[in-house]
Amino acid sequence: MTKKCNARCDFCDYWKTESEERLGDYAPVIAKLKPTVVMLTGGEPLLRRDLQAVIAGIKKQSPAVYLGLITHAAMLTPERGLALWDAGLDQLSISLDFLDERHDRARGIPGLAKKVKETIPLLVRAGIDNLALNTVIKSDNLDQIVAMVRQCEEWGIGIAFSAYADVKVGNKEHNIGDAQMKELQRVIGELLRLKREGAPILSSSYYLSRVPEFFATGRIGGCVAGDRFVTVTPSGHVKRCSEFDAEVHFSEWTPKSIGATDCDVCWFSCRGESQAPVISAERLKDTLFR
């Protein structure tokens, strides 16, 4: 929705955006692409003052679409969260990589972790019943991963994970190397166990099980970007994924506009979950109870 952002993450440069073209009405995009799932992301979507109207417009165009929003929550209040929810959101996701002040330093927003931890219970009490954390697995937060699952259990919300990759600005500092591989494998094993036992982990077992493989090799093939999912820029241009250049304006897009993707340098959840085997008992369970 926007590349503008008031965070200062060292693995992203969207916050450097000073000006941009923006669509005001996404209903024509929805009518053209006919998605079943839409995730509103940034940058920071809450910087858009018309966000509530955009959500309502998408739902009016396609009431059946599953509509989610991802925010760092620095500007999120229970009142605004409920207004966005009532406008048509089906899922509200909050980015959180640490439970302590390390998150403040990582995002460049003082007091952010405390704000998130105070806001989540208020959102739940306000009636937002599909709330989740989005957490990036990286070198400096392996000690937080299981604790965050436990915290989500206490809050009564879900949690989804994504593997860090240095594709956006080339920052390799957060990559998990050989020295941490055993700890990563232990953490992933614990997540899989907790998931089997009913913990609110939204990530599929397929996705989680391949996270160590990605960090060990730096590559996983089979990306389905451009086929099973696309990214629409704030100006309305379509990319196969957020890390590629725009290829066509949405008004000229067809299912054949974007060819096969030859890229294997990330294991972000958007691509990993999209290429997960659809026909399997485990995947069916992940889908039905997500």
C-alpha atoms as a PDB file:
ATOM      1  CA  MET A   1       0.000   0.000   0.000  1.00  0.00           C
ATOM      2  CA  THR A   2       2.937   2.298   0.643  1.00  0.00           C
ATOM      3  CA  LYS A   3       6.703   2.093   0.800  1.00  0.00           C
ATOM      4  CA  LYS A   4       6.808   4.859   3.375  1.00  0.00           C
ATOM      5  CA  CYS A   5       7.640   3.748   6.892  1.00  0.00           C
ATOM      6  CA  ASN A   6       8.475   5.371  10.213  1.00  0.00           C
ATOM      7  CA  ALA A   7      10.614   2.428  11.354  1.00  0.00           C
ATOM      8  CA  ARG A   8      14.338   2.202  10.616  1.00  0.00           C
ATOM      9  CA  CYS A   9      14.996  -1.514  10.136  1.00  0.00           C
ATOM     10  CA  ASP A  10      18.524  -2.306   8.975  1.00  0.00           C
ATOM     11  CA  PHE A  11      17.302  -5.035   6.606  1.00  0.00           C
ATOM     12  CA  CYS A  12      14.984  -2.760   4.610  1.00  0.00           C
ATOM     13  CA  ASP A  13      15.287   0.563   2.804  1.00  0.00           C
ATOM     14  CA  TYR A  14      11.609   1.362   2.234  1.00  0.00           C
ATOM     15  CA  TRP A  15      11.798   4.019   4.961  1.00  0.00           C
ATOM     16  CA  LYS A  16      13.980   6.096   2.645  1.00  0.00           C
ATOM     17  CA  THR A  17      11.006   6.626   0.305  1.00  0.00           C
ATOM     18  CA  GLU A  18      10.138  10.333   0.157  1.00  0.00           C
ATOM     19  CA  SER A  19       7.330  10.376  -2.405  1.00  0.00           C
ATOM     20  CA  GLU A  20       5.292   7.836  -4.341  1.00  0.00           C
ATOM     21  CA  GLU A  21       2.262   7.413  -6.543  1.00  0.00           C
ATOM     22  CA  ARG A  22      -0.624   5.743  -4.747  1.00  0.00           C
ATOM     23  CA  LEU A  23      -3.839   4.086  -5.734  1.00  0.00           C
ATOM     24  CA  GLY A  24      -6.796   5.425  -3.795  1.00  0.00           C
ATOM     25  CA  ASP A  25      -9.211   2.695  -4.802  1.00  0.00           C
ATOM     26  CA  TYR A  26      -8.132  -0.937  -4.866  1.00  0.00           C
ATOM     27  CA  ALA A  27     -11.506  -2.287  -5.977  1.00  0.00           C
ATOM     28  CA  PRO A  28     -10.477  -2.262  -9.677  1.00  0.00           C
ATOM     29  CA  VAL A  29      -7.321  -4.221  -8.766  1.00  0.00           C
ATOM     30  CA  ILE A  30      -9.395  -6.840  -6.982  1.00  0.00           C
ATOM     31  CA  ALA A  31     -11.845  -7.020  -9.879  1.00  0.00           C
ATOM     32  CA  LYS A  32      -9.001  -7.543 -12.355  1.00  0.00           C
ATOM     33  CA  LEU A  33      -6.798 -10.011 -10.448  1.00  0.00           C
ATOM     34  CA  LYS A  34      -9.616 -11.875  -8.652  1.00  0.00           C
ATOM     35  CA  PRO A  35      -7.504 -12.991  -5.656  1.00  0.00           C
ATOM     36  CA  THR A  36      -8.802 -15.236  -2.900  1.00  0.00           C
ATOM     37  CA  VAL A  37      -6.382 -13.797  -0.308  1.00  0.00           C
ATOM     38  CA  VAL A  38      -5.144 -10.199  -0.023  1.00  0.00           C
ATOM     39  CA  MET A  39      -2.497  -9.033   2.458  1.00  0.00           C
ATOM     40  CA  LEU A  40      -2.111  -5.271   2.911  1.00  0.00           C
ATOM     41  CA  THR A  41       1.531  -4.503   3.667  1.00  0.00           C
ATOM     42  CA  GLY A  42       4.136  -1.761   3.444  1.00  0.00           C
ATOM     43  CA  GLY A  43       6.210   0.044   4.403  1.00  0.00           C
ATOM     44  CA  GLU A  44       3.753   0.793   7.136  1.00  0.00           C
ATOM     45  CA  PRO A  45       0.102   0.648   6.016  1.00  0.00           C
ATOM     46  CA  LEU A  46      -1.133   2.627   9.018  1.00  0.00           C
ATOM     47  CA  LEU A  47       0.570   5.712   7.575  1.00  0.00           C
ATOM     48  CA  ARG A  48      -2.283   5.810   5.057  1.00  0.00           C
ATOM     49  CA  ARG A  49      -5.132   7.889   6.423  1.00  0.00           C
ATOM     50  CA  ASP A  50      -7.517   6.333   3.901  1.00  0.00           C
ATOM     51  CA  LEU A  51      -6.768   2.785   5.068  1.00  0.00           C
ATOM     52  CA  GLN A  52     -10.241   2.190   6.472  1.00  0.00           C
ATOM     53  CA  ALA A  53     -11.854   3.286   3.203  1.00  0.00           C
ATOM     54  CA  VAL A  54      -9.488   1.100   1.172  1.00  0.00           C
ATOM     55  CA  ILE A  55     -10.396  -1.944   3.267  1.00  0.00           C
ATOM     56  CA  ALA A  56     -14.109  -1.236   2.939  1.00  0.00           C
ATOM     57  CA  GLY A  57     -13.739  -0.791  -0.823  1.00  0.00           C
ATOM     58  CA  ILE A  58     -11.968  -4.118  -1.232  1.00  0.00           C
ATOM     59  CA  LYS A  59     -14.628  -5.933   0.784  1.00  0.00           C
ATOM     60  CA  LYS A  60     -17.421  -4.236  -1.157  1.00  0.00           C
ATOM     61  CA  GLN A  61     -15.860  -5.389  -4.426  1.00  0.00           C
ATOM     62  CA  SER A  62     -15.192  -8.928  -3.192  1.00  0.00           C
ATOM     63  CA  PRO A  63     -16.930  -9.857   0.096  1.00  0.00           C
ATOM     64  CA  ALA A  64     -15.473 -13.377   0.006  1.00  0.00           C
ATOM     65  CA  VAL A  65     -11.815 -12.345  -0.244  1.00  0.00           C
ATOM     66  CA  TYR A  66      -9.708 -13.123   2.844  1.00  0.00           C
ATOM     67  CA  LEU A  67      -8.244  -9.746   3.802  1.00  0.00           C
ATOM     68  CA  GLY A  68      -5.288  -9.319   6.138  1.00  0.00           C
ATOM     69  CA  LEU A  69      -3.118  -6.430   7.293  1.00  0.00           C
ATOM     70  CA  ILE A  70       0.482  -6.469   8.550  1.00  0.00           C
ATOM     71  CA  THR A  71       1.684  -3.572  10.734  1.00  0.00           C
ATOM     72  CA  HIS A  72       4.514  -2.821  13.157  1.00  0.00           C
ATOM     73  CA  ALA A  73       1.760  -1.384  15.395  1.00  0.00           C
ATOM     74  CA  ALA A  74       3.590   1.727  16.606  1.00  0.00           C
ATOM     75  CA  MET A  75       0.533   3.781  15.623  1.00  0.00           C
ATOM     76  CA  LEU A  76      -2.065   1.126  16.357  1.00  0.00           C
ATOM     77  CA  THR A  77      -4.662   1.811  19.026  1.00  0.00           C
ATOM     78  CA  PRO A  78      -7.579  -0.416  20.032  1.00  0.00           C
ATOM     79  CA  GLU A  79      -9.927   2.171  18.543  1.00  0.00           C
ATOM     80  CA  ARG A  80      -8.221   2.235  15.165  1.00  0.00           C
ATOM     81  CA  GLY A  81      -7.753  -1.506  15.152  1.00  0.00           C
ATOM     82  CA  LEU A  82     -11.459  -2.047  15.755  1.00  0.00           C
ATOM     83  CA  ALA A  83     -12.372   0.501  13.066  1.00  0.00           C
ATOM     84  CA  LEU A  84     -10.214  -1.350  10.530  1.00  0.00           C
ATOM     85  CA  TRP A  85     -11.663  -4.659  11.689  1.00  0.00           C
ATOM     86  CA  ASP A  86     -15.214  -3.396  11.297  1.00  0.00           C
ATOM     87  CA  ALA A  87     -14.331  -2.092   7.825  1.00  0.00           C
ATOM     88  CA  GLY A  88     -13.700  -5.672   6.722  1.00  0.00           C
ATOM     89  CA  LEU A  89     -10.376  -7.084   7.924  1.00  0.00           C
ATOM     90  CA  ASP A  90     -10.288 -10.847   8.441  1.00  0.00           C
ATOM     91  CA  GLN A  91      -6.820 -10.976  10.029  1.00  0.00           C
ATOM     92  CA  LEU A  92      -4.627  -8.438  11.791  1.00  0.00           C
ATOM     93  CA  SER A  93      -0.925  -9.302  12.005  1.00  0.00           C
ATOM     94  CA  ILE A  94       1.671  -7.459  14.072  1.00  0.00           C
ATOM     95  CA  SER A  95       5.402  -7.698  13.393  1.00  0.00           C
ATOM     96  CA  LEU A  96       7.369  -8.611  16.514  1.00  0.00           C
ATOM     97  CA  ASP A  97      10.829 -10.195  16.536  1.00  0.00           C
ATOM     98  CA  PHE A  98      11.751  -9.808  20.226  1.00  0.00           C
ATOM     99  CA  LEU A  99       9.762  -9.574  23.447  1.00  0.00           C
ATOM    100  CA  ASP A 100      12.193  -7.074  24.957  1.00  0.00           C
ATOM    101  CA  GLU A 101      13.853  -3.776  24.068  1.00  0.00           C
ATOM    102  CA  ARG A 102      15.950  -5.448  21.367  1.00  0.00           C
ATOM    103  CA  HIS A 103      12.874  -5.064  19.188  1.00  0.00           C
ATOM    104  CA  ASP A 104      12.988  -1.287  19.745  1.00  0.00           C
ATOM    105  CA  ARG A 105      16.583  -1.152  18.561  1.00  0.00           C
ATOM    106  CA  ALA A 106      15.942  -3.443  15.597  1.00  0.00           C
ATOM    107  CA  ARG A 107      13.022  -1.335  14.376  1.00  0.00           C
ATOM    108  CA  GLY A 108      14.392   2.033  15.420  1.00  0.00           C
ATOM    109  CA  ILE A 109      11.277   2.911  17.438  1.00  0.00           C
ATOM    110  CA  PRO A 110      11.804   3.450  21.188  1.00  0.00           C
ATOM    111  CA  GLY A 111       9.265   1.660  23.368  1.00  0.00           C
ATOM    112  CA  LEU A 112       7.828  -0.399  20.502  1.00  0.00           C
ATOM    113  CA  ALA A 113       7.961  -3.829  22.167  1.00  0.00           C
ATOM    114  CA  LYS A 114       6.237  -2.474  25.277  1.00  0.00           C
ATOM    115  CA  LYS A 115       3.612  -0.773  23.104  1.00  0.00           C
ATOM    116  CA  VAL A 116       2.886  -3.980  21.190  1.00  0.00           C
ATOM    117  CA  LYS A 117       2.648  -6.068  24.364  1.00  0.00           C
ATOM    118  CA  GLU A 118       0.263  -3.559  25.930  1.00  0.00           C
ATOM    119  CA  THR A 119      -1.880  -3.176  22.813  1.00  0.00           C
ATOM    120  CA  ILE A 120      -2.465  -6.841  21.952  1.00  0.00           C
ATOM    121  CA  PRO A 121      -4.623  -7.694  25.008  1.00  0.00           C
ATOM    122  CA  LEU A 122      -6.648  -4.533  24.382  1.00  0.00           C
ATOM    123  CA  LEU A 123      -7.256  -5.553  20.763  1.00  0.00           C
ATOM    124  CA  VAL A 124      -8.375  -9.007  21.873  1.00  0.00           C
ATOM    125  CA  ARG A 125     -10.745  -7.523  24.439  1.00  0.00           C
ATOM    126  CA  ALA A 126     -12.086  -5.133  21.801  1.00  0.00           C
ATOM    127  CA  GLY A 127     -13.295  -8.122  19.804  1.00  0.00           C
ATOM    128  CA  ILE A 128     -10.583  -8.662  17.201  1.00  0.00           C
ATOM    129  CA  ASP A 129     -10.649 -12.442  17.174  1.00  0.00           C
ATOM    130  CA  ASN A 130      -8.086 -13.251  14.470  1.00  0.00           C
ATOM    131  CA  LEU A 131      -4.910 -11.596  15.643  1.00  0.00           C
ATOM    132  CA  ALA A 132      -1.394 -12.911  15.043  1.00  0.00           C
ATOM    133  CA  LEU A 133       2.262 -12.074  15.396  1.00  0.00           C
ATOM    134  CA  ASN A 134       4.558 -12.132  12.384  1.00  0.00           C
ATOM    135  CA  THR A 135       8.056 -13.075  13.525  1.00  0.00           C
ATOM    136  CA  VAL A 136      11.238 -13.275  11.454  1.00  0.00           C
ATOM    137  CA  ILE A 137      13.623 -16.093  12.407  1.00  0.00           C
ATOM    138  CA  LYS A 138      17.153 -14.675  12.381  1.00  0.00           C
ATOM    139  CA  SER A 139      20.518 -14.966  14.063  1.00  0.00           C
ATOM    140  CA  ASP A 140      19.840 -12.624  16.963  1.00  0.00           C
ATOM    141  CA  ASN A 141      16.426 -13.839  18.130  1.00  0.00           C
ATOM    142  CA  LEU A 142      16.688 -17.635  18.334  1.00  0.00           C
ATOM    143  CA  ASP A 143      16.408 -17.332  22.114  1.00  0.00           C
ATOM    144  CA  GLN A 144      13.041 -15.606  21.687  1.00  0.00           C
ATOM    145  CA  ILE A 145      11.214 -17.923  19.291  1.00  0.00           C
ATOM    146  CA  VAL A 146       9.746 -20.488  21.692  1.00  0.00           C
ATOM    147  CA  ALA A 147       9.075 -17.806  24.309  1.00  0.00           C
ATOM    148  CA  MET A 148       7.030 -15.897  21.750  1.00  0.00           C
ATOM    149  CA  VAL A 149       4.880 -18.953  21.066  1.00  0.00           C
ATOM    150  CA  ARG A 150       4.232 -19.273  24.797  1.00  0.00           C
ATOM    151  CA  GLN A 151       3.356 -15.574  24.984  1.00  0.00           C
ATOM    152  CA  CYS A 152       0.897 -15.949  22.122  1.00  0.00           C
ATOM    153  CA  GLU A 153      -0.722 -18.866  23.934  1.00  0.00           C
ATOM    154  CA  GLU A 154      -1.189 -16.595  26.937  1.00  0.00           C
ATOM    155  CA  TRP A 155      -2.676 -13.827  24.794  1.00  0.00           C
ATOM    156  CA  GLY A 156      -4.895 -16.240  22.871  1.00  0.00           C
ATOM    157  CA  ILE A 157      -3.537 -15.255  19.445  1.00  0.00           C
ATOM    158  CA  GLY A 158      -1.609 -16.957  16.644  1.00  0.00           C
ATOM    159  CA  ILE A 159       1.974 -16.619  15.453  1.00  0.00           C
ATOM    160  CA  ALA A 160       3.510 -17.059  12.001  1.00  0.00           C
ATOM    161  CA  PHE A 161       7.211 -17.285  11.212  1.00  0.00           C
ATOM    162  CA  SER A 162       9.330 -16.280   8.232  1.00  0.00           C
ATOM    163  CA  ALA A 163      13.012 -16.990   7.608  1.00  0.00           C
ATOM    164  CA  TYR A 164      15.317 -13.992   7.300  1.00  0.00           C
ATOM    165  CA  ALA A 165      16.976 -13.404   3.928  1.00  0.00           C
ATOM    166  CA  ASP A 166      19.347 -10.627   2.915  1.00  0.00           C
ATOM    167  CA  VAL A 167      17.760 -10.031  -0.488  1.00  0.00           C
ATOM    168  CA  LYS A 168      16.443  -6.507   0.098  1.00  0.00           C
ATOM    169  CA  VAL A 169      19.552  -4.539   1.100  1.00  0.00           C
ATOM    170  CA  GLY A 170      22.215  -7.249   1.324  1.00  0.00           C
ATOM    171  CA  ASN A 171      22.550  -7.145   5.120  1.00  0.00           C
ATOM    172  CA  LYS A 172      24.051 -10.525   6.020  1.00  0.00           C
ATOM    173  CA  GLU A 173      24.326  -9.730   9.732  1.00  0.00           C
ATOM    174  CA  HIS A 174      21.117 -11.593  10.580  1.00  0.00           C
ATOM    175  CA  ASN A 175      21.838 -14.740   8.555  1.00  0.00           C
ATOM    176  CA  ILE A 176      22.098 -17.938  10.589  1.00  0.00           C
ATOM    177  CA  GLY A 177      25.413 -19.669   9.939  1.00  0.00           C
ATOM    178  CA  ASP A 178      27.095 -22.951  10.833  1.00  0.00           C
ATOM    179  CA  ALA A 179      27.843 -21.910  14.413  1.00  0.00           C
ATOM    180  CA  GLN A 180      24.120 -21.567  15.164  1.00  0.00           C
ATOM    181  CA  MET A 181      22.808 -24.421  13.040  1.00  0.00           C
ATOM    182  CA  LYS A 182      22.359 -26.908  15.890  1.00  0.00           C
ATOM    183  CA  GLU A 183      20.475 -24.310  17.907  1.00  0.00           C
ATOM    184  CA  LEU A 184      18.272 -23.497  14.911  1.00  0.00           C
ATOM    185  CA  GLN A 185      17.493 -27.172  14.399  1.00  0.00           C
ATOM    186  CA  ARG A 186      16.625 -27.494  18.080  1.00  0.00           C
ATOM    187  CA  VAL A 187      14.312 -24.471  17.933  1.00  0.00           C
ATOM    188  CA  ILE A 188      12.574 -25.680  14.780  1.00  0.00           C
ATOM    189  CA  GLY A 189      12.164 -29.119  16.326  1.00  0.00           C
ATOM    190  CA  GLU A 190      10.561 -27.505  19.355  1.00  0.00           C
ATOM    191  CA  LEU A 191       8.201 -25.468  17.145  1.00  0.00           C
ATOM    192  CA  LEU A 192       7.122 -28.595  15.291  1.00  0.00           C
ATOM    193  CA  ARG A 193       6.507 -30.377  18.585  1.00  0.00           C
ATOM    194  CA  LEU A 194       4.512 -27.460  19.975  1.00  0.00           C
ATOM    195  CA  LYS A 195       2.480 -27.269  16.781  1.00  0.00           C
ATOM    196  CA  ARG A 196       1.619 -30.962  17.017  1.00  0.00           C
ATOM    197  CA  GLU A 197       0.504 -30.384  20.585  1.00  0.00           C
ATOM    198  CA  GLY A 198      -1.862 -27.596  19.560  1.00  0.00           C
ATOM    199  CA  ALA A 199       0.170 -24.417  20.036  1.00  0.00           C
ATOM    200  CA  PRO A 200      -1.196 -21.502  17.949  1.00  0.00           C
ATOM    201  CA  ILE A 201       1.554 -21.710  15.313  1.00  0.00           C
ATOM    202  CA  LEU A 202       0.065 -20.705  11.959  1.00  0.00           C
ATOM    203  CA  SER A 203       3.116 -21.656   9.895  1.00  0.00           C
ATOM    204  CA  SER A 204       2.790 -25.039   8.211  1.00  0.00           C
ATOM    205  CA  SER A 205       4.963 -27.938   9.298  1.00  0.00           C
ATOM    206  CA  TYR A 206       6.230 -28.090   5.714  1.00  0.00           C
ATOM    207  CA  TYR A 207       7.433 -24.505   5.843  1.00  0.00           C
ATOM    208  CA  LEU A 208       9.065 -24.751   9.248  1.00  0.00           C
ATOM    209  CA  SER A 209      10.813 -28.026   8.472  1.00  0.00           C
ATOM    210  CA  ARG A 210      12.678 -26.429   5.565  1.00  0.00           C
ATOM    211  CA  VAL A 211      13.950 -23.367   7.441  1.00  0.00           C
ATOM    212  CA  PRO A 212      17.244 -25.073   8.504  1.00  0.00           C
ATOM    213  CA  GLU A 213      17.786 -26.217   4.914  1.00  0.00           C
ATOM    214  CA  PHE A 214      17.512 -22.633   3.696  1.00  0.00           C
ATOM    215  CA  PHE A 215      19.976 -21.234   6.212  1.00  0.00           C
ATOM    216  CA  ALA A 216      22.398 -24.110   5.600  1.00  0.00           C
ATOM    217  CA  THR A 217      22.452 -23.729   1.815  1.00  0.00           C
ATOM    218  CA  GLY A 218      21.153 -20.202   1.198  1.00  0.00           C
ATOM    219  CA  ARG A 219      18.832 -21.544  -1.483  1.00  0.00           C
ATOM    220  CA  ILE A 220      15.559 -23.384  -1.993  1.00  0.00           C
ATOM    221  CA  GLY A 221      14.188 -23.868  -5.490  1.00  0.00           C
ATOM    222  CA  GLY A 222      10.656 -24.119  -6.791  1.00  0.00           C
ATOM    223  CA  CYS A 223       9.459 -20.548  -6.212  1.00  0.00           C
ATOM    224  CA  VAL A 224       5.898 -20.000  -7.471  1.00  0.00           C
ATOM    225  CA  ALA A 225       5.920 -16.183  -7.351  1.00  0.00           C
ATOM    226  CA  GLY A 226       3.973 -14.753 -10.265  1.00  0.00           C
ATOM    227  CA  ASP A 227       1.896 -17.908 -10.485  1.00  0.00           C
ATOM    228  CA  ARG A 228       0.300 -18.495  -7.083  1.00  0.00           C
ATOM    229  CA  PHE A 229       0.851 -14.973  -5.776  1.00  0.00           C
ATOM    230  CA  VAL A 230       1.873 -11.511  -6.968  1.00  0.00           C
ATOM    231  CA  THR A 231       2.663  -8.154  -5.384  1.00  0.00           C
ATOM    232  CA  VAL A 232       0.854  -4.963  -6.363  1.00  0.00           C
ATOM    233  CA  THR A 233       2.853  -1.768  -5.813  1.00  0.00           C
ATOM    234  CA  PRO A 234       1.350   1.425  -4.338  1.00  0.00           C
ATOM    235  CA  SER A 235       1.107   2.789  -7.896  1.00  0.00           C
ATOM    236  CA  GLY A 236      -0.831  -0.243  -9.128  1.00  0.00           C
ATOM    237  CA  HIS A 237       1.928  -2.096 -10.966  1.00  0.00           C
ATOM    238  CA  VAL A 238       2.215  -5.861 -10.656  1.00  0.00           C
ATOM    239  CA  LYS A 239       5.421  -7.651  -9.600  1.00  0.00           C
ATOM    240  CA  ARG A 240       5.990 -11.364  -9.291  1.00  0.00           C
ATOM    241  CA  CYS A 241       7.203 -10.628  -5.739  1.00  0.00           C
ATOM    242  CA  SER A 242       8.256  -7.638  -3.678  1.00  0.00           C
ATOM    243  CA  GLU A 243      11.950  -8.118  -4.506  1.00  0.00           C
ATOM    244  CA  PHE A 244      11.497  -7.949  -8.294  1.00  0.00           C
ATOM    245  CA  ASP A 245      10.870  -4.997 -10.603  1.00  0.00           C
ATOM    246  CA  ALA A 246       7.334  -4.140 -11.677  1.00  0.00           C
ATOM    247  CA  GLU A 247       6.327  -5.890 -14.893  1.00  0.00           C
ATOM    248  CA  VAL A 248       2.891  -4.590 -15.895  1.00  0.00           C
ATOM    249  CA  HIS A 249       0.186  -2.201 -14.670  1.00  0.00           C
ATOM    250  CA  PHE A 250      -2.720  -4.053 -13.098  1.00  0.00           C
ATOM    251  CA  SER A 251      -5.082  -2.720 -15.763  1.00  0.00           C
ATOM    252  CA  GLU A 252      -3.080  -4.589 -18.424  1.00  0.00           C
ATOM    253  CA  TRP A 253      -2.348  -7.712 -16.386  1.00  0.00           C
ATOM    254  CA  THR A 254      -3.397 -11.174 -17.536  1.00  0.00           C
ATOM    255  CA  PRO A 255      -2.605 -14.577 -16.000  1.00  0.00           C
ATOM    256  CA  LYS A 256       0.065 -14.935 -18.691  1.00  0.00           C
ATOM    257  CA  SER A 257       1.721 -11.558 -18.046  1.00  0.00           C
ATOM    258  CA  ILE A 258       4.385 -13.039 -15.764  1.00  0.00           C
ATOM    259  CA  GLY A 259       6.388 -16.097 -16.715  1.00  0.00           C
ATOM    260  CA  ALA A 260       7.989 -18.736 -14.524  1.00  0.00           C
ATOM    261  CA  THR A 261      10.196 -17.486 -11.691  1.00  0.00           C
ATOM    262  CA  ASP A 262      13.821 -18.592 -11.629  1.00  0.00           C
ATOM    263  CA  CYS A 263      14.859 -17.537  -8.133  1.00  0.00           C
ATOM    264  CA  ASP A 264      15.876 -19.494  -5.044  1.00  0.00           C
ATOM    265  CA  VAL A 265      17.479 -16.961  -2.688  1.00  0.00           C
ATOM    266  CA  CYS A 266      14.772 -16.545  -0.048  1.00  0.00           C
ATOM    267  CA  TRP A 267      12.491 -18.661   2.094  1.00  0.00           C
ATOM    268  CA  PHE A 268      10.037 -15.955   3.016  1.00  0.00           C
ATOM    269  CA  SER A 269       6.750 -17.375   4.220  1.00  0.00           C
ATOM    270  CA  CYS A 270       4.817 -15.897   1.269  1.00  0.00           C
ATOM    271  CA  ARG A 271       6.671 -18.120  -1.186  1.00  0.00           C
ATOM    272  CA  GLY A 272       7.309 -21.068   1.112  1.00  0.00           C
ATOM    273  CA  GLU A 273       3.696 -21.482   2.149  1.00  0.00           C
ATOM    274  CA  SER A 274       2.540 -20.942  -1.442  1.00  0.00           C
ATOM    275  CA  GLN A 275       4.604 -23.858  -2.720  1.00  0.00           C
ATOM    276  CA  ALA A 276       3.721 -26.208   0.132  1.00  0.00           C
ATOM    277  CA  PRO A 277       2.134 -29.470  -1.044  1.00  0.00           C
ATOM    278  CA  VAL A 278      -1.606 -28.888  -1.153  1.00  0.00           C
ATOM    279  CA  ILE A 279      -2.685 -32.525  -1.083  1.00  0.00           C
ATOM    280  CA  SER A 280      -1.408 -33.990   2.160  1.00  0.00           C
ATOM    281  CA  ALA A 281      -2.999 -34.775   5.490  1.00  0.00           C
ATOM    282  CA  GLU A 282      -0.641 -32.456   7.360  1.00  0.00           C
ATOM    283  CA  ARG A 283      -1.167 -29.564   4.962  1.00  0.00           C
ATOM    284  CA  LEU A 284      -4.934 -30.052   5.035  1.00  0.00           C
ATOM    285  CA  LYS A 285      -4.818 -29.854   8.822  1.00  0.00           C
ATOM    286  CA  ASP A 286      -2.694 -26.700   8.664  1.00  0.00           C
ATOM    287  CA  THR A 287      -5.185 -25.114   6.274  1.00  0.00           C
ATOM    288  CA  LEU A 288      -8.378 -26.104   8.071  1.00  0.00           C
ATOM    289  CA  PHE A 289      -7.222 -25.025  11.510  1.00  0.00           C
ATOM    290  CA  ARG A 290      -5.227 -21.946  10.566  1.00  0.00           C
END
